[in-house]
Amino acid sequence: MDLRQMEVVVAVADAGGFTAAARHLHVVQSAVSGTVRALERELGAPLFDRTTHRVTLTPAGEAFVPAARAALRAAESAREAVDAVRGELRGRITVGTMQGVWAGLHRALAALRAEHPGVVVHLRQAAVADIRQALREGTVDLAVVAFDRQQQRGLTTRLLSREEMVLVASSRRVPPGTAPGGEVELADAARLPLVDFTPGWAIRYAVDRAFRAAGVERSTTFEVNDIVAAAELVRYDLGVCIMPESIADRFPDLPRYRFRRHAPHWRVMVVRPPGEAPQAVAALLRHFA
């Protein structure tokens, strides 16, 4: 068994098929299939169930893939250690994030690239639940996300920023009894057509928690998975939206209103698996203020 075989198996598991894995690895499909078959013969157990329409991991495959990921990470760390002795830092980092997250991520990535051009960064954007699972599986090395306390369990975290969310409306829609730029109650927002983000988004988690804490029922008029789409619905006076103030700042033409009580909060943090960080990850962490 060698690292290349492990890399191929992990690629098939991640891609969900042999053809997609071959494209990712830049090899022909027959090479991927042959490598997997040879490893299965060596292990004495099939790693994948193959059907006409899908490829899934067997119980043996479910056990093998996490161990293979760990071995590949260890090999990468060994290479990084040698590069560090030579005065170079190389490697690959996969960073998880989500739409609208802290702008400092981009500054940190730019600073890392200037300091260590040999480090390749892959940016993966997903919902918070998917990012948390990827951190546990080892397919994401570090993430800049908004996690609640339960989602932080078992992970190493550092708070980067904390802010309240605001209600964003069109210039033609003022919540009843509220002066432009004034304060509102969550109940005021619940009486208006609401633009919500899809379940799984950190903003949605925070907004749901705030409404539950306030004991206010609400209904969703629009459900979107894109910040710009939410802003456009608001701009055309089709609804109002609750979002972090730093995101609302991107749409200066849209009035915003603060909440008197029970304001949803947005806590952005840098998150990684526990244990010593690989050198390339540690280098990126140093650039977060």
Foldseek 3Di string as FASTA:
>chain_A
DDLVLLLLLLLCAVQFHQCNSCVVVVHDSVVSVVSQVVVCVVVVHHQWDDDPPTIHGDPVVVVSNLVSLVVVVVVQLVVQVVQVVVVAGAEEAEEEEEPPFDPLLVVLVVVLCVVHVRYHYHYHYDFLVVVLVCQVSVVHFKYWYFDDPVSQPQWDKDWQDKAFKWKWAAPVDDQPPADFQEADAVQSQQVWAEEEEDPRHPVNVQVVVLCVVVVHDHDHPHYHHHLVVRVVCRNVRVTMYIDTVSSVVVVVNITIHHYPDSTGMTIIIMIHHDDDRRPSVVSSVVSRD
